[in-house]
Amino acid sequence: MEIVPTTNPAQKKQAGLDELQFRKAELRQQIQQQKELISTSSQRLLSPASISSYILGSFQKSLNLVDGLLIGYKMVRSFRRLIRRFR
């Protein structure tokens, strides 16, 4: 014969409340972690740029400018050649 433990509704309710309290604590911890992540991200985004990133950024901009000028010059030359052919 098997003995089946009996649980009354009060015990089930207490177990449910314990689970809810545990879940609530977990969620609060996750919210706190997300707040810290948002805080560090906003500080990193809003902080002034370092000198090295400024120098590298201006160098990259100048390279892009030179590249654009060269491409523009090549396009103008090819258009001139096309126009001369049709004359």
C-alpha atoms as a PDB file:
ATOM      1  CA  MET A   1       0.000   0.000   0.000  1.00  0.00           C
ATOM      2  CA  GLU A   2       1.324   3.373  -1.037  1.00  0.00           C
ATOM      3  CA  ILE A   3       1.212   6.338   1.286  1.00  0.00           C
ATOM      4  CA  VAL A   4       0.213   9.525  -0.500  1.00  0.00           C
ATOM      5  CA  PRO A   5       1.152  12.734   1.273  1.00  0.00           C
ATOM      6  CA  THR A   6      -1.724  15.096   1.672  1.00  0.00           C
ATOM      7  CA  THR A   7      -1.345  18.806   1.206  1.00  0.00           C
ATOM      8  CA  ASN A   8      -3.853  21.269   2.347  1.00  0.00           C
ATOM      9  CA  PRO A   9      -4.651  24.470   0.391  1.00  0.00           C
ATOM     10  CA  ALA A  10      -2.776  26.601   2.919  1.00  0.00           C
ATOM     11  CA  GLN A  11       0.462  24.734   2.169  1.00  0.00           C
ATOM     12  CA  LYS A  12      -0.067  25.124  -1.583  1.00  0.00           C
ATOM     13  CA  LYS A  13      -0.741  28.814  -1.126  1.00  0.00           C
ATOM     14  CA  GLN A  14       2.437  29.223   0.943  1.00  0.00           C
ATOM     15  CA  ALA A  15       4.491  27.391  -1.691  1.00  0.00           C
ATOM     16  CA  GLY A  16       3.001  29.634  -4.383  1.00  0.00           C
ATOM     17  CA  LEU A  17       3.825  32.754  -2.375  1.00  0.00           C
ATOM     18  CA  ASP A  18       7.383  31.558  -1.845  1.00  0.00           C
ATOM     19  CA  GLU A  19       7.778  30.976  -5.574  1.00  0.00           C
ATOM     20  CA  LEU A  20       6.374  34.413  -6.323  1.00  0.00           C
ATOM     21  CA  GLN A  21       8.722  36.065  -3.839  1.00  0.00           C
ATOM     22  CA  PHE A  22      11.681  34.212  -5.337  1.00  0.00           C
ATOM     23  CA  ARG A  23      10.661  35.215  -8.870  1.00  0.00           C
ATOM     24  CA  LYS A  24      10.167  38.813  -7.750  1.00  0.00           C
ATOM     25  CA  ALA A  25      13.683  38.878  -6.292  1.00  0.00           C
ATOM     26  CA  GLU A  26      15.089  37.450  -9.541  1.00  0.00           C
ATOM     27  CA  LEU A  27      13.291  40.072 -11.600  1.00  0.00           C
ATOM     28  CA  ARG A  28      14.508  42.885  -9.366  1.00  0.00           C
ATOM     29  CA  GLN A  29      18.057  41.636  -9.798  1.00  0.00           C
ATOM     30  CA  GLN A  30      17.631  41.551 -13.590  1.00  0.00           C
ATOM     31  CA  ILE A  31      16.193  45.071 -13.561  1.00  0.00           C
ATOM     32  CA  GLN A  32      19.167  46.281 -11.514  1.00  0.00           C
ATOM     33  CA  GLN A  33      21.599  44.686 -13.981  1.00  0.00           C
ATOM     34  CA  GLN A  34      19.787  46.324 -16.902  1.00  0.00           C
ATOM     35  CA  LYS A  35      19.892  49.709 -15.157  1.00  0.00           C
ATOM     36  CA  GLU A  36      23.644  49.357 -14.663  1.00  0.00           C
ATOM     37  CA  LEU A  37      24.099  48.364 -18.305  1.00  0.00           C
ATOM     38  CA  ILE A  38      22.084  51.355 -19.500  1.00  0.00           C
ATOM     39  CA  SER A  39      24.007  53.657 -17.183  1.00  0.00           C
ATOM     40  CA  THR A  40      27.415  52.491 -18.413  1.00  0.00           C
ATOM     41  CA  SER A  41      26.272  52.650 -22.041  1.00  0.00           C
ATOM     42  CA  SER A  42      25.000  56.203 -21.685  1.00  0.00           C
ATOM     43  CA  GLN A  43      28.183  57.294 -19.915  1.00  0.00           C
ATOM     44  CA  ARG A  44      30.293  55.774 -22.682  1.00  0.00           C
ATOM     45  CA  LEU A  45      28.194  57.439 -25.397  1.00  0.00           C
ATOM     46  CA  LEU A  46      28.075  60.861 -23.780  1.00  0.00           C
ATOM     47  CA  SER A  47      31.679  61.018 -22.587  1.00  0.00           C
ATOM     48  CA  PRO A  48      34.067  63.164 -24.609  1.00  0.00           C
ATOM     49  CA  ALA A  49      36.058  61.362 -27.269  1.00  0.00           C
ATOM     50  CA  SER A  50      39.673  60.531 -26.608  1.00  0.00           C
ATOM     51  CA  ILE A  51      42.456  62.247 -28.517  1.00  0.00           C
ATOM     52  CA  SER A  52      43.423  59.087 -30.373  1.00  0.00           C
ATOM     53  CA  SER A  53      39.883  58.533 -31.639  1.00  0.00           C
ATOM     54  CA  TYR A  54      39.749  62.192 -32.711  1.00  0.00           C
ATOM     55  CA  ILE A  55      43.012  61.877 -34.644  1.00  0.00           C
ATOM     56  CA  LEU A  56      41.999  58.599 -36.265  1.00  0.00           C
ATOM     57  CA  GLY A  57      38.584  60.020 -37.144  1.00  0.00           C
ATOM     58  CA  SER A  58      40.052  63.084 -38.841  1.00  0.00           C
ATOM     59  CA  PHE A  59      42.570  60.877 -40.685  1.00  0.00           C
ATOM     60  CA  GLN A  60      39.768  58.652 -41.921  1.00  0.00           C
ATOM     61  CA  LYS A  61      37.747  61.684 -43.024  1.00  0.00           C
ATOM     62  CA  SER A  62      40.693  63.017 -45.002  1.00  0.00           C
ATOM     63  CA  LEU A  63      41.200  59.630 -46.689  1.00  0.00           C
ATOM     64  CA  ASN A  64      37.514  59.542 -47.600  1.00  0.00           C
ATOM     65  CA  LEU A  65      37.798  63.033 -49.051  1.00  0.00           C
ATOM     66  CA  VAL A  66      40.801  62.072 -51.194  1.00  0.00           C
ATOM     67  CA  ASP A  67      39.036  58.912 -52.325  1.00  0.00           C
ATOM     68  CA  GLY A  68      35.950  60.906 -53.299  1.00  0.00           C
ATOM     69  CA  LEU A  69      38.036  63.409 -55.244  1.00  0.00           C
ATOM     70  CA  LEU A  70      39.809  60.640 -57.165  1.00  0.00           C
ATOM     71  CA  ILE A  71      36.551  58.906 -58.030  1.00  0.00           C
ATOM     72  CA  GLY A  72      35.045  62.224 -59.128  1.00  0.00           C
ATOM     73  CA  TYR A  73      38.064  62.976 -61.309  1.00  0.00           C
ATOM     74  CA  LYS A  74      37.849  59.534 -62.950  1.00  0.00           C
ATOM     75  CA  MET A  75      34.142  60.032 -63.629  1.00  0.00           C
ATOM     76  CA  VAL A  76      34.715  63.445 -65.217  1.00  0.00           C
ATOM     77  CA  ARG A  77      37.438  61.991 -67.456  1.00  0.00           C
ATOM     78  CA  SER A  78      35.189  59.144 -68.583  1.00  0.00           C
ATOM     79  CA  PHE A  79      32.316  61.562 -69.338  1.00  0.00           C
ATOM     80  CA  ARG A  80      34.656  63.769 -71.365  1.00  0.00           C
ATOM     81  CA  ARG A  81      35.770  60.759 -73.379  1.00  0.00           C
ATOM     82  CA  LEU A  82      32.144  59.818 -74.076  1.00  0.00           C
ATOM     83  CA  ILE A  83      31.294  63.356 -75.176  1.00  0.00           C
ATOM     84  CA  ARG A  84      34.322  63.516 -77.499  1.00  0.00           C
ATOM     85  CA  ARG A  85      33.306  60.240 -79.145  1.00  0.00           C
ATOM     86  CA  PHE A  86      29.840  61.565 -80.038  1.00  0.00           C
ATOM     87  CA  ARG A  87      31.090  64.795 -81.617  1.00  0.00           C
END
